[in-house]
Amino acid sequence: NPGDAEAERKFKEIGEAYEFLKDPQKRAA
């Protein structure tokens, strides 16, 4: 999605969400 700011924002949100939920301790918190 070159040049698509909304897609870039969604991409970052998806990455951040998975980064926390894949860690059992962070997910529990």
mmCIF file of all heavy atoms, coordinates in Angstrom:
data_MODEL
# 
_entry.id   MODEL 
# 
loop_
_atom_site.group_PDB 
_atom_site.id 
_atom_site.type_symbol 
_atom_site.label_atom_id 
_atom_site.label_alt_id 
_atom_site.label_comp_id 
_atom_site.label_asym_id 
_atom_site.label_entity_id 
_atom_site.label_seq_id 
_atom_site.pdbx_PDB_ins_code 
_atom_site.Cartn_x 
_atom_site.Cartn_y 
_atom_site.Cartn_z 
_atom_site.occupancy 
_atom_site.B_iso_or_equiv 
_atom_site.pdbx_formal_charge 
_atom_site.auth_seq_id 
_atom_site.auth_comp_id 
_atom_site.auth_asym_id 
_atom_site.auth_atom_id 
_atom_site.pdbx_PDB_model_num 
ATOM 1   N N   . ASN A 1 1  ? 0.838  -1.202  0.000  1.00 0.00 ? 1  ASN A N   1 
ATOM 2   C CA  . ASN A 1 1  ? 0.000  0.000   0.000  1.00 0.00 ? 1  ASN A CA  1 
ATOM 3   C C   . ASN A 1 1  ? 0.872  1.250   0.000  1.00 0.00 ? 1  ASN A C   1 
ATOM 4   O O   . ASN A 1 1  ? 0.840  2.041   0.963  1.00 0.00 ? 1  ASN A O   1 
ATOM 5   C CB  . ASN A 1 1  ? -0.930 0.002   1.226  1.00 0.00 ? 1  ASN A CB  1 
ATOM 6   C CG  . ASN A 1 1  ? -1.800 -1.228  1.312  1.00 0.00 ? 1  ASN A CG  1 
ATOM 7   O OD1 . ASN A 1 1  ? -2.884 -1.281  0.737  1.00 0.00 ? 1  ASN A OD1 1 
ATOM 8   N ND2 . ASN A 1 1  ? -1.324 -2.242  2.030  1.00 0.00 ? 1  ASN A ND2 1 
ATOM 9   N N   . PRO A 1 2  ? 1.686  1.434   -1.021 1.00 0.00 ? 2  PRO A N   1 
ATOM 10  C CA  . PRO A 1 2  ? 2.603  2.587   -1.035 1.00 0.00 ? 2  PRO A CA  1 
ATOM 11  C C   . PRO A 1 2  ? 1.856  3.919   -1.017 1.00 0.00 ? 2  PRO A C   1 
ATOM 12  O O   . PRO A 1 2  ? 0.897  4.114   -1.770 1.00 0.00 ? 2  PRO A O   1 
ATOM 13  C CB  . PRO A 1 2  ? 3.373  2.406   -2.358 1.00 0.00 ? 2  PRO A CB  1 
ATOM 14  C CG  . PRO A 1 2  ? 2.493  1.539   -3.193 1.00 0.00 ? 2  PRO A CG  1 
ATOM 15  C CD  . PRO A 1 2  ? 1.772  0.638   -2.251 1.00 0.00 ? 2  PRO A CD  1 
ATOM 16  N N   . GLY A 1 3  ? 2.301  4.807   -0.110 1.00 0.00 ? 3  GLY A N   1 
ATOM 17  C CA  . GLY A 1 3  ? 1.701  6.133   -0.028 1.00 0.00 ? 3  GLY A CA  1 
ATOM 18  C C   . GLY A 1 3  ? 0.367  6.186   0.692  1.00 0.00 ? 3  GLY A C   1 
ATOM 19  O O   . GLY A 1 3  ? -0.255 7.241   0.785  1.00 0.00 ? 3  GLY A O   1 
ATOM 20  N N   . ASP A 1 4  ? -0.103 5.073   1.231  1.00 0.00 ? 4  ASP A N   1 
ATOM 21  C CA  . ASP A 1 4  ? -1.395 5.030   1.921  1.00 0.00 ? 4  ASP A CA  1 
ATOM 22  C C   . ASP A 1 4  ? -1.151 5.199   3.422  1.00 0.00 ? 4  ASP A C   1 
ATOM 23  O O   . ASP A 1 4  ? -0.748 4.265   4.121  1.00 0.00 ? 4  ASP A O   1 
ATOM 24  C CB  . ASP A 1 4  ? -2.088 3.692   1.642  1.00 0.00 ? 4  ASP A CB  1 
ATOM 25  C CG  . ASP A 1 4  ? -3.533 3.671   2.143  1.00 0.00 ? 4  ASP A CG  1 
ATOM 26  O OD1 . ASP A 1 4  ? -3.871 4.443   3.055  1.00 0.00 ? 4  ASP A OD1 1 
ATOM 27  O OD2 . ASP A 1 4  ? -4.314 2.870   1.600  1.00 0.00 ? 4  ASP A OD2 1 
ATOM 28  N N   . ALA A 1 5  ? -1.414 6.412   3.919  1.00 0.00 ? 5  ALA A N   1 
ATOM 29  C CA  . ALA A 1 5  ? -1.152 6.717   5.329  1.00 0.00 ? 5  ALA A CA  1 
ATOM 30  C C   . ALA A 1 5  ? -2.061 5.907   6.252  1.00 0.00 ? 5  ALA A C   1 
ATOM 31  O O   . ALA A 1 5  ? -1.643 5.475   7.332  1.00 0.00 ? 5  ALA A O   1 
ATOM 32  C CB  . ALA A 1 5  ? -1.338 8.218   5.586  1.00 0.00 ? 5  ALA A CB  1 
ATOM 33  N N   . GLU A 1 6  ? -3.311 5.695   5.842  1.00 0.00 ? 6  GLU A N   1 
ATOM 34  C CA  . GLU A 1 6  ? -4.242 4.944   6.673  1.00 0.00 ? 6  GLU A CA  1 
ATOM 35  C C   . GLU A 1 6  ? -3.796 3.491   6.802  1.00 0.00 ? 6  GLU A C   1 
ATOM 36  O O   . GLU A 1 6  ? -3.858 2.901   7.888  1.00 0.00 ? 6  GLU A O   1 
ATOM 37  C CB  . GLU A 1 6  ? -5.641 4.999   6.054  1.00 0.00 ? 6  GLU A CB  1 
ATOM 38  C CG  . GLU A 1 6  ? -6.715 4.221   6.814  1.00 0.00 ? 6  GLU A CG  1 
ATOM 39  C CD  . GLU A 1 6  ? -6.959 4.744   8.225  1.00 0.00 ? 6  GLU A CD  1 
ATOM 40  O OE1 . GLU A 1 6  ? -6.588 5.914   8.508  1.00 0.00 ? 6  GLU A OE1 1 
ATOM 41  O OE2 . GLU A 1 6  ? -7.527 3.998   9.043  1.00 0.00 ? 6  GLU A OE2 1 
ATOM 42  N N   . ALA A 1 7  ? -3.318 2.903   5.705  1.00 0.00 ? 7  ALA A N   1 
ATOM 43  C CA  . ALA A 1 7  ? -2.832 1.523   5.752  1.00 0.00 ? 7  ALA A CA  1 
ATOM 44  C C   . ALA A 1 7  ? -1.596 1.423   6.643  1.00 0.00 ? 7  ALA A C   1 
ATOM 45  O O   . ALA A 1 7  ? -1.440 0.460   7.406  1.00 0.00 ? 7  ALA A O   1 
ATOM 46  C CB  . ALA A 1 7  ? -2.505 1.032   4.335  1.00 0.00 ? 7  ALA A CB  1 
ATOM 47  N N   . GLU A 1 8  ? -0.727 2.426   6.591  1.00 0.00 ? 8  GLU A N   1 
ATOM 48  C CA  . GLU A 1 8  ? 0.468  2.431   7.438  1.00 0.00 ? 8  GLU A CA  1 
ATOM 49  C C   . GLU A 1 8  ? 0.087  2.512   8.909  1.00 0.00 ? 8  GLU A C   1 
ATOM 50  O O   . GLU A 1 8  ? 0.671  1.835   9.766  1.00 0.00 ? 8  GLU A O   1 
ATOM 51  C CB  . GLU A 1 8  ? 1.372  3.604   7.057  1.00 0.00 ? 8  GLU A CB  1 
ATOM 52  C CG  . GLU A 1 8  ? 2.692  3.622   7.833  1.00 0.00 ? 8  GLU A CG  1 
ATOM 53  C CD  . GLU A 1 8  ? 3.614  4.733   7.378  1.00 0.00 ? 8  GLU A CD  1 
ATOM 54  O OE1 . GLU A 1 8  ? 3.243  5.468   6.436  1.00 0.00 ? 8  GLU A OE1 1 
ATOM 55  O OE2 . GLU A 1 8  ? 4.690  4.883   7.975  1.00 0.00 ? 8  GLU A OE2 1 
ATOM 56  N N   . ARG A 1 9  ? -0.943 3.342   9.206  1.00 0.00 ? 9  ARG A N   1 
ATOM 57  C CA  . ARG A 1 9  ? -1.406 3.462   10.589 1.00 0.00 ? 9  ARG A CA  1 
ATOM 58  C C   . ARG A 1 9  ? -1.966 2.126   11.083 1.00 0.00 ? 9  ARG A C   1 
ATOM 59  O O   . ARG A 1 9  ? -1.657 1.676   12.189 1.00 0.00 ? 9  ARG A O   1 
ATOM 60  C CB  . ARG A 1 9  ? -2.477 4.562   10.683 1.00 0.00 ? 9  ARG A CB  1 
ATOM 61  C CG  . ARG A 1 9  ? -2.978 4.811   12.105 1.00 0.00 ? 9  ARG A CG  1 
ATOM 62  C CD  . ARG A 1 9  ? -4.138 5.787   12.120 1.00 0.00 ? 9  ARG A CD  1 
ATOM 63  N NE  . ARG A 1 9  ? -5.304 5.248   11.451 1.00 0.00 ? 9  ARG A NE  1 
ATOM 64  C CZ  . ARG A 1 9  ? -6.148 4.380   12.003 1.00 0.00 ? 9  ARG A CZ  1 
ATOM 65  N NH1 . ARG A 1 9  ? -5.946 3.945   13.242 1.00 0.00 ? 9  ARG A NH1 1 
ATOM 66  N NH2 . ARG A 1 9  ? -7.183 3.940   11.332 1.00 0.00 ? 9  ARG A NH2 1 
ATOM 67  N N   . LYS A 1 10 ? -2.782 1.490   10.232 1.00 0.00 ? 10 LYS A N   1 
ATOM 68  C CA  . LYS A 1 10 ? -3.357 0.200   10.604 1.00 0.00 ? 10 LYS A CA  1 
ATOM 69  C C   . LYS A 1 10 ? -2.257 -0.842  10.802 1.00 0.00 ? 10 LYS A C   1 
ATOM 70  O O   . LYS A 1 10 ? -2.317 -1.670  11.712 1.00 0.00 ? 10 LYS A O   1 
ATOM 71  C CB  . LYS A 1 10 ? -4.319 -0.269  9.508  1.00 0.00 ? 10 LYS A CB  1 
ATOM 72  C CG  . LYS A 1 10 ? -5.598 0.546   9.427  1.00 0.00 ? 10 LYS A CG  1 
ATOM 73  C CD  . LYS A 1 10 ? -6.586 0.170   10.508 1.00 0.00 ? 10 LYS A CD  1 
ATOM 74  C CE  . LYS A 1 10 ? -7.119 -1.227  10.344 1.00 0.00 ? 10 LYS A CE  1 
ATOM 75  N NZ  . LYS A 1 10 ? -8.125 -1.571  11.372 1.00 0.00 ? 10 LYS A NZ  1 
ATOM 76  N N   . PHE A 1 11 ? -1.265 -0.790  9.933  1.00 0.00 ? 11 PHE A N   1 
ATOM 77  C CA  . PHE A 1 11 ? -0.155 -1.737  10.016 1.00 0.00 ? 11 PHE A CA  1 
ATOM 78  C C   . PHE A 1 11 ? 0.560  -1.620  11.359 1.00 0.00 ? 11 PHE A C   1 
ATOM 79  O O   . PHE A 1 11 ? 0.893  -2.625  12.004 1.00 0.00 ? 11 PHE A O   1 
ATOM 80  C CB  . PHE A 1 11 ? 0.807  -1.472  8.857  1.00 0.00 ? 11 PHE A CB  1 
ATOM 81  C CG  . PHE A 1 11 ? 1.943  -2.437  8.766  1.00 0.00 ? 11 PHE A CG  1 
ATOM 82  C CD1 . PHE A 1 11 ? 1.744  -3.749  8.372  1.00 0.00 ? 11 PHE A CD1 1 
ATOM 83  C CD2 . PHE A 1 11 ? 3.240  -2.033  9.064  1.00 0.00 ? 11 PHE A CD2 1 
ATOM 84  C CE1 . PHE A 1 11 ? 2.799  -4.640  8.275  1.00 0.00 ? 11 PHE A CE1 1 
ATOM 85  C CE2 . PHE A 1 11 ? 4.292  -2.915  8.977  1.00 0.00 ? 11 PHE A CE2 1 
ATOM 86  C CZ  . PHE A 1 11 ? 4.070  -4.225  8.570  1.00 0.00 ? 11 PHE A CZ  1 
ATOM 87  N N   . LYS A 1 12 ? 0.778  -0.388  11.804 1.00 0.00 ? 12 LYS A N   1 
ATOM 88  C CA  . LYS A 1 12 ? 1.446  -0.174  13.092 1.00 0.00 ? 12 LYS A CA  1 
ATOM 89  C C   . LYS A 1 12 ? 0.563  -0.630  14.247 1.00 0.00 ? 12 LYS A C   1 
ATOM 90  O O   . LYS A 1 12 ? 1.045  -1.222  15.224 1.00 0.00 ? 12 LYS A O   1 
ATOM 91  C CB  . LYS A 1 12 ? 1.805  1.300   13.244 1.00 0.00 ? 12 LYS A CB  1 
ATOM 92  C CG  . LYS A 1 12 ? 2.909  1.760   12.285 1.00 0.00 ? 12 LYS A CG  1 
ATOM 93  C CD  . LYS A 1 12 ? 3.221  3.236   12.460 1.00 0.00 ? 12 LYS A CD  1 
ATOM 94  C CE  . LYS A 1 12 ? 4.339  3.681   11.527 1.00 0.00 ? 12 LYS A CE  1 
ATOM 95  N NZ  . LYS A 1 12 ? 4.646  5.122   11.667 1.00 0.00 ? 12 LYS A NZ  1 
ATOM 96  N N   . GLU A 1 13 ? -0.730 -0.358  14.165 1.00 0.00 ? 13 GLU A N   1 
ATOM 97  C CA  . GLU A 1 13 ? -1.643 -0.783  15.233 1.00 0.00 ? 13 GLU A CA  1 
ATOM 98  C C   . GLU A 1 13 ? -1.687 -2.304  15.342 1.00 0.00 ? 13 GLU A C   1 
ATOM 99  O O   . GLU A 1 13 ? -1.687 -2.863  16.436 1.00 0.00 ? 13 GLU A O   1 
ATOM 100 C CB  . GLU A 1 13 ? -3.046 -0.239  14.958 1.00 0.00 ? 13 GLU A CB  1 
ATOM 101 C CG  . GLU A 1 13 ? -3.192 1.265   15.161 1.00 0.00 ? 13 GLU A CG  1 
ATOM 102 C CD  . GLU A 1 13 ? -4.603 1.743   14.886 1.00 0.00 ? 13 GLU A CD  1 
ATOM 103 O OE1 . GLU A 1 13 ? -5.435 0.912   14.447 1.00 0.00 ? 13 GLU A OE1 1 
ATOM 104 O OE2 . GLU A 1 13 ? -4.886 2.931   15.122 1.00 0.00 ? 13 GLU A OE2 1 
ATOM 105 N N   . ILE A 1 14 ? -1.715 -2.972  14.194 1.00 0.00 ? 14 ILE A N   1 
ATOM 106 C CA  . ILE A 1 14 ? -1.732 -4.440  14.183 1.00 0.00 ? 14 ILE A CA  1 
ATOM 107 C C   . ILE A 1 14 ? -0.465 -4.989  14.820 1.00 0.00 ? 14 ILE A C   1 
ATOM 108 O O   . ILE A 1 14 ? -0.499 -5.909  15.639 1.00 0.00 ? 14 ILE A O   1 
ATOM 109 C CB  . ILE A 1 14 ? -1.868 -4.947  12.731 1.00 0.00 ? 14 ILE A CB  1 
ATOM 110 C CG1 . ILE A 1 14 ? -3.235 -4.558  12.154 1.00 0.00 ? 14 ILE A CG1 1 
ATOM 111 C CG2 . ILE A 1 14 ? -1.675 -6.464  12.657 1.00 0.00 ? 14 ILE A CG2 1 
ATOM 112 C CD1 . ILE A 1 14 ? -3.275 -4.632  10.642 1.00 0.00 ? 14 ILE A CD1 1 
ATOM 113 N N   . GLY A 1 15 ? 0.680  -4.402  14.448 1.00 0.00 ? 15 GLY A N   1 
ATOM 114 C CA  . GLY A 1 15 ? 1.954  -4.848  15.008 1.00 0.00 ? 15 GLY A CA  1 
ATOM 115 C C   . GLY A 1 15 ? 2.032  -4.643  16.503 1.00 0.00 ? 15 GLY A C   1 
ATOM 116 O O   . GLY A 1 15 ? 2.516  -5.508  17.251 1.00 0.00 ? 15 GLY A O   1 
ATOM 117 N N   . GLU A 1 16 ? 1.562  -3.471  16.950 1.00 0.00 ? 16 GLU A N   1 
ATOM 118 C CA  . GLU A 1 16 ? 1.608  -3.182  18.385 1.00 0.00 ? 16 GLU A CA  1 
ATOM 119 C C   . GLU A 1 16 ? 0.706  -4.143  19.152 1.00 0.00 ? 16 GLU A C   1 
ATOM 120 O O   . GLU A 1 16 ? 1.085  -4.681  20.199 1.00 0.00 ? 16 GLU A O   1 
ATOM 121 C CB  . GLU A 1 16 ? 1.172  -1.736  18.634 1.00 0.00 ? 16 GLU A CB  1 
ATOM 122 C CG  . GLU A 1 16 ? 1.250  -1.339  20.107 1.00 0.00 ? 16 GLU A CG  1 
ATOM 123 C CD  . GLU A 1 16 ? 0.736  0.063   20.356 1.00 0.00 ? 16 GLU A CD  1 
ATOM 124 O OE1 . GLU A 1 16 ? 0.188  0.679   19.416 1.00 0.00 ? 16 GLU A OE1 1 
ATOM 125 O OE2 . GLU A 1 16 ? 0.876  0.535   21.494 1.00 0.00 ? 16 GLU A OE2 1 
ATOM 126 N N   . ALA A 1 17 ? -0.505 -4.391  18.621 1.00 0.00 ? 17 ALA A N   1 
ATOM 127 C CA  . ALA A 1 17 ? -1.443 -5.286  19.298 1.00 0.00 ? 17 ALA A CA  1 
ATOM 128 C C   . ALA A 1 17 ? -0.862 -6.692  19.428 1.00 0.00 ? 17 ALA A C   1 
ATOM 129 O O   . ALA A 1 17 ? -0.908 -7.311  20.501 1.00 0.00 ? 17 ALA A O   1 
ATOM 130 C CB  . ALA A 1 17 ? -2.768 -5.324  18.528 1.00 0.00 ? 17 ALA A CB  1 
ATOM 131 N N   . TYR A 1 18 ? -0.294 -7.185  18.365 1.00 0.00 ? 18 TYR A N   1 
ATOM 132 C CA  . TYR A 1 18 ? 0.255  -8.539  18.414 1.00 0.00 ? 18 TYR A CA  1 
ATOM 133 C C   . TYR A 1 18 ? 1.484  -8.622  19.311 1.00 0.00 ? 18 TYR A C   1 
ATOM 134 O O   . TYR A 1 18 ? 1.701  -9.622  20.007 1.00 0.00 ? 18 TYR A O   1 
ATOM 135 C CB  . TYR A 1 18 ? 0.599  -9.011  17.003 1.00 0.00 ? 18 TYR A CB  1 
ATOM 136 C CG  . TYR A 1 18 ? 1.099  -10.431 16.971 1.00 0.00 ? 18 TYR A CG  1 
ATOM 137 C CD1 . TYR A 1 18 ? 0.244  -11.492 17.268 1.00 0.00 ? 18 TYR A CD1 1 
ATOM 138 C CD2 . TYR A 1 18 ? 2.425  -10.725 16.668 1.00 0.00 ? 18 TYR A CD2 1 
ATOM 139 C CE1 . TYR A 1 18 ? 0.697  -12.795 17.269 1.00 0.00 ? 18 TYR A CE1 1 
ATOM 140 C CE2 . TYR A 1 18 ? 2.894  -12.027 16.662 1.00 0.00 ? 18 TYR A CE2 1 
ATOM 141 C CZ  . TYR A 1 18 ? 2.023  -13.057 16.959 1.00 0.00 ? 18 TYR A CZ  1 
ATOM 142 O OH  . TYR A 1 18 ? 2.473  -14.354 16.961 1.00 0.00 ? 18 TYR A OH  1 
ATOM 143 N N   . GLU A 1 19 ? 2.287  -7.562  19.311 1.00 0.00 ? 19 GLU A N   1 
ATOM 144 C CA  . GLU A 1 19 ? 3.491  -7.548  20.143 1.00 0.00 ? 19 GLU A CA  1 
ATOM 145 C C   . GLU A 1 19 ? 3.155  -7.766  21.616 1.00 0.00 ? 19 GLU A C   1 
ATOM 146 O O   . GLU A 1 19 ? 3.859  -8.482  22.326 1.00 0.00 ? 19 GLU A O   1 
ATOM 147 C CB  . GLU A 1 19 ? 4.234  -6.224  19.949 1.00 0.00 ? 19 GLU A CB  1 
ATOM 148 C CG  . GLU A 1 19 ? 5.391  -5.996  20.898 1.00 0.00 ? 19 GLU A CG  1 
ATOM 149 C CD  . GLU A 1 19 ? 6.552  -6.956  20.655 1.00 0.00 ? 19 GLU A CD  1 
ATOM 150 O OE1 . GLU A 1 19 ? 6.580  -7.587  19.587 1.00 0.00 ? 19 GLU A OE1 1 
ATOM 151 O OE2 . GLU A 1 19 ? 7.409  -7.066  21.548 1.00 0.00 ? 19 GLU A OE2 1 
ATOM 152 N N   . PHE A 1 20 ? 2.056  -7.178  22.045 1.00 0.00 ? 20 PHE A N   1 
ATOM 153 C CA  . PHE A 1 20 ? 1.675  -7.316  23.465 1.00 0.00 ? 20 PHE A CA  1 
ATOM 154 C C   . PHE A 1 20 ? 0.912  -8.606  23.725 1.00 0.00 ? 20 PHE A C   1 
ATOM 155 O O   . PHE A 1 20 ? 1.151  -9.285  24.723 1.00 0.00 ? 20 PHE A O   1 
ATOM 156 C CB  . PHE A 1 20 ? 0.847  -6.105  23.903 1.00 0.00 ? 20 PHE A CB  1 
ATOM 157 C CG  . PHE A 1 20 ? 1.662  -4.861  24.067 1.00 0.00 ? 20 PHE A CG  1 
ATOM 158 C CD1 . PHE A 1 20 ? 1.600  -3.844  23.131 1.00 0.00 ? 20 PHE A CD1 1 
ATOM 159 C CD2 . PHE A 1 20 ? 2.516  -4.691  25.145 1.00 0.00 ? 20 PHE A CD2 1 
ATOM 160 C CE1 . PHE A 1 20 ? 2.363  -2.702  23.259 1.00 0.00 ? 20 PHE A CE1 1 
ATOM 161 C CE2 . PHE A 1 20 ? 3.286  -3.551  25.291 1.00 0.00 ? 20 PHE A CE2 1 
ATOM 162 C CZ  . PHE A 1 20 ? 3.216  -2.550  24.337 1.00 0.00 ? 20 PHE A CZ  1 
ATOM 163 N N   . LEU A 1 21 ? -0.003 -8.961  22.833 1.00 0.00 ? 21 LEU A N   1 
ATOM 164 C CA  . LEU A 1 21 ? -0.851 -10.122 23.111 1.00 0.00 ? 21 LEU A CA  1 
ATOM 165 C C   . LEU A 1 21 ? -0.111 -11.445 22.955 1.00 0.00 ? 21 LEU A C   1 
ATOM 166 O O   . LEU A 1 21 ? -0.521 -12.452 23.524 1.00 0.00 ? 21 LEU A O   1 
ATOM 167 C CB  . LEU A 1 21 ? -2.080 -10.094 22.198 1.00 0.00 ? 21 LEU A CB  1 
ATOM 168 C CG  . LEU A 1 21 ? -3.038 -8.924  22.410 1.00 0.00 ? 21 LEU A CG  1 
ATOM 169 C CD1 . LEU A 1 21 ? -4.263 -9.080  21.510 1.00 0.00 ? 21 LEU A CD1 1 
ATOM 170 C CD2 . LEU A 1 21 ? -3.482 -8.820  23.877 1.00 0.00 ? 21 LEU A CD2 1 
ATOM 171 N N   . LYS A 1 22 ? 0.980  -11.482 22.184 1.00 0.00 ? 22 LYS A N   1 
ATOM 172 C CA  . LYS A 1 22 ? 1.711  -12.731 22.031 1.00 0.00 ? 22 LYS A CA  1 
ATOM 173 C C   . LYS A 1 22 ? 2.559  -13.045 23.262 1.00 0.00 ? 22 LYS A C   1 
ATOM 174 O O   . LYS A 1 22 ? 2.990  -14.188 23.455 1.00 0.00 ? 22 LYS A O   1 
ATOM 175 C CB  . LYS A 1 22 ? 2.602  -12.677 20.783 1.00 0.00 ? 22 LYS A CB  1 
ATOM 176 C CG  . LYS A 1 22 ? 3.859  -11.818 20.900 1.00 0.00 ? 22 LYS A CG  1 
ATOM 177 C CD  . LYS A 1 22 ? 4.595  -11.783 19.574 1.00 0.00 ? 22 LYS A CD  1 
ATOM 178 C CE  . LYS A 1 22 ? 5.869  -10.941 19.654 1.00 0.00 ? 22 LYS A CE  1 
ATOM 179 N NZ  . LYS A 1 22 ? 6.934  -11.609 20.386 1.00 0.00 ? 22 LYS A NZ  1 
ATOM 180 N N   . ASP A 1 23 ? 2.807  -12.028 24.111 1.00 0.00 ? 23 ASP A N   1 
ATOM 181 C CA  . ASP A 1 23 ? 3.575  -12.218 25.340 1.00 0.00 ? 23 ASP A CA  1 
ATOM 182 C C   . ASP A 1 23 ? 2.600  -12.522 26.476 1.00 0.00 ? 23 ASP A C   1 
ATOM 183 O O   . ASP A 1 23 ? 1.759  -11.678 26.814 1.00 0.00 ? 23 ASP A O   1 
ATOM 184 C CB  . ASP A 1 23 ? 4.375  -10.950 25.650 1.00 0.00 ? 23 ASP A CB  1 
ATOM 185 C CG  . ASP A 1 23 ? 5.303  -11.142 26.844 1.00 0.00 ? 23 ASP A CG  1 
ATOM 186 O OD1 . ASP A 1 23 ? 4.784  -11.484 27.934 1.00 0.00 ? 23 ASP A OD1 1 
ATOM 187 O OD2 . ASP A 1 23 ? 6.514  -10.933 26.693 1.00 0.00 ? 23 ASP A OD2 1 
ATOM 188 N N   . PRO A 1 24 ? 2.659  -13.710 27.067 1.00 0.00 ? 24 PRO A N   1 
ATOM 189 C CA  . PRO A 1 24 ? 1.680  -14.089 28.104 1.00 0.00 ? 24 PRO A CA  1 
ATOM 190 C C   . PRO A 1 24 ? 1.598  -13.098 29.268 1.00 0.00 ? 24 PRO A C   1 
ATOM 191 O O   . PRO A 1 24 ? 0.504  -12.791 29.755 1.00 0.00 ? 24 PRO A O   1 
ATOM 192 C CB  . PRO A 1 24 ? 2.180  -15.462 28.578 1.00 0.00 ? 24 PRO A CB  1 
ATOM 193 C CG  . PRO A 1 24 ? 2.957  -15.999 27.418 1.00 0.00 ? 24 PRO A CG  1 
ATOM 194 C CD  . PRO A 1 24 ? 3.608  -14.808 26.789 1.00 0.00 ? 24 PRO A CD  1 
ATOM 195 N N   . GLN A 1 25 ? 2.746  -12.583 29.721 1.00 0.00 ? 25 GLN A N   1 
ATOM 196 C CA  . GLN A 1 25 ? 2.733  -11.652 30.853 1.00 0.00 ? 25 GLN A CA  1 
ATOM 197 C C   . GLN A 1 25 ? 2.097  -10.321 30.462 1.00 0.00 ? 25 GLN A C   1 
ATOM 198 O O   . GLN A 1 25 ? 1.274  -9.766  31.199 1.00 0.00 ? 25 GLN A O   1 
ATOM 199 C CB  . GLN A 1 25 ? 4.161  -11.437 31.362 1.00 0.00 ? 25 GLN A CB  1 
ATOM 200 C CG  . GLN A 1 25 ? 4.780  -12.677 31.998 1.00 0.00 ? 25 GLN A CG  1 
ATOM 201 C CD  . GLN A 1 25 ? 6.173  -12.418 32.555 1.00 0.00 ? 25 GLN A CD  1 
ATOM 202 O OE1 . GLN A 1 25 ? 6.786  -11.402 32.254 1.00 0.00 ? 25 GLN A OE1 1 
ATOM 203 N NE2 . GLN A 1 25 ? 6.662  -13.336 33.380 1.00 0.00 ? 25 GLN A NE2 1 
ATOM 204 N N   . LYS A 1 26 ? 2.480  -9.783  29.295 1.00 0.00 ? 26 LYS A N   1 
ATOM 205 C CA  . LYS A 1 26 ? 1.893  -8.516  28.844 1.00 0.00 ? 26 LYS A CA  1 
ATOM 206 C C   . LYS A 1 26 ? 0.399  -8.679  28.577 1.00 0.00 ? 26 LYS A C   1 
ATOM 207 O O   . LYS A 1 26 ? -0.399 -7.780  28.852 1.00 0.00 ? 26 LYS A O   1 
ATOM 208 C CB  . LYS A 1 26 ? 2.605  -8.027  27.588 1.00 0.00 ? 26 LYS A CB  1 
ATOM 209 C CG  . LYS A 1 26 ? 4.041  -7.595  27.818 1.00 0.00 ? 26 LYS A CG  1 
ATOM 210 C CD  . LYS A 1 26 ? 4.665  -7.105  26.525 1.00 0.00 ? 26 LYS A CD  1 
ATOM 211 C CE  . LYS A 1 26 ? 6.110  -6.674  26.737 1.00 0.00 ? 26 LYS A CE  1 
ATOM 212 N NZ  . LYS A 1 26 ? 6.737  -6.216  25.482 1.00 0.00 ? 26 LYS A NZ  1 
ATOM 213 N N   . ARG A 1 27 ? 0.017  -9.840  28.042 1.00 0.00 ? 27 ARG A N   1 
ATOM 214 C CA  . ARG A 1 27 ? -1.400 -10.066 27.758 1.00 0.00 ? 27 ARG A CA  1 
ATOM 215 C C   . ARG A 1 27 ? -2.202 -10.124 29.048 1.00 0.00 ? 27 ARG A C   1 
ATOM 216 O O   . ARG A 1 27 ? -3.309 -9.567  29.120 1.00 0.00 ? 27 ARG A O   1 
ATOM 217 C CB  . ARG A 1 27 ? -1.562 -11.365 26.962 1.00 0.00 ? 27 ARG A CB  1 
ATOM 218 C CG  . ARG A 1 27 ? -3.012 -11.669 26.607 1.00 0.00 ? 27 ARG A CG  1 
ATOM 219 C CD  . ARG A 1 27 ? -3.118 -12.904 25.738 1.00 0.00 ? 27 ARG A CD  1 
ATOM 220 N NE  . ARG A 1 27 ? -4.503 -13.192 25.400 1.00 0.00 ? 27 ARG A NE  1 
ATOM 221 C CZ  . ARG A 1 27 ? -4.899 -14.196 24.628 1.00 0.00 ? 27 ARG A CZ  1 
ATOM 222 N NH1 . ARG A 1 27 ? -3.997 -15.013 24.094 1.00 0.00 ? 27 ARG A NH1 1 
ATOM 223 N NH2 . ARG A 1 27 ? -6.190 -14.391 24.373 1.00 0.00 ? 27 ARG A NH2 1 
ATOM 224 N N   . ALA A 1 28 ? -1.643 -10.788 30.054 1.00 0.00 ? 28 ALA A N   1 
ATOM 225 C CA  . ALA A 1 28 ? -2.349 -10.870 31.340 1.00 0.00 ? 28 ALA A CA  1 
ATOM 226 C C   . ALA A 1 28 ? -2.523 -9.486  31.945 1.00 0.00 ? 28 ALA A C   1 
ATOM 227 O O   . ALA A 1 28 ? -3.590 -9.158  32.501 1.00 0.00 ? 28 ALA A O   1 
ATOM 228 C CB  . ALA A 1 28 ? -1.577 -11.785 32.288 1.00 0.00 ? 28 ALA A CB  1 
ATOM 229 N N   . ALA A 1 29 ? -1.491 -8.644  31.843 1.00 0.00 ? 29 ALA A N   1 
ATOM 230 C CA  . ALA A 1 29 ? -1.587 -7.278  32.366 1.00 0.00 ? 29 ALA A CA  1 
ATOM 231 C C   . ALA A 1 29 ? -2.604 -6.473  31.589 1.00 0.00 ? 29 ALA A C   1 
ATOM 232 O O   . ALA A 1 29 ? -3.386 -5.701  32.167 1.00 0.00 ? 29 ALA A O   1 
ATOM 233 C CB  . ALA A 1 29 ? -0.203 -6.617  32.300 1.00 0.00 ? 29 ALA A CB  1 
# 
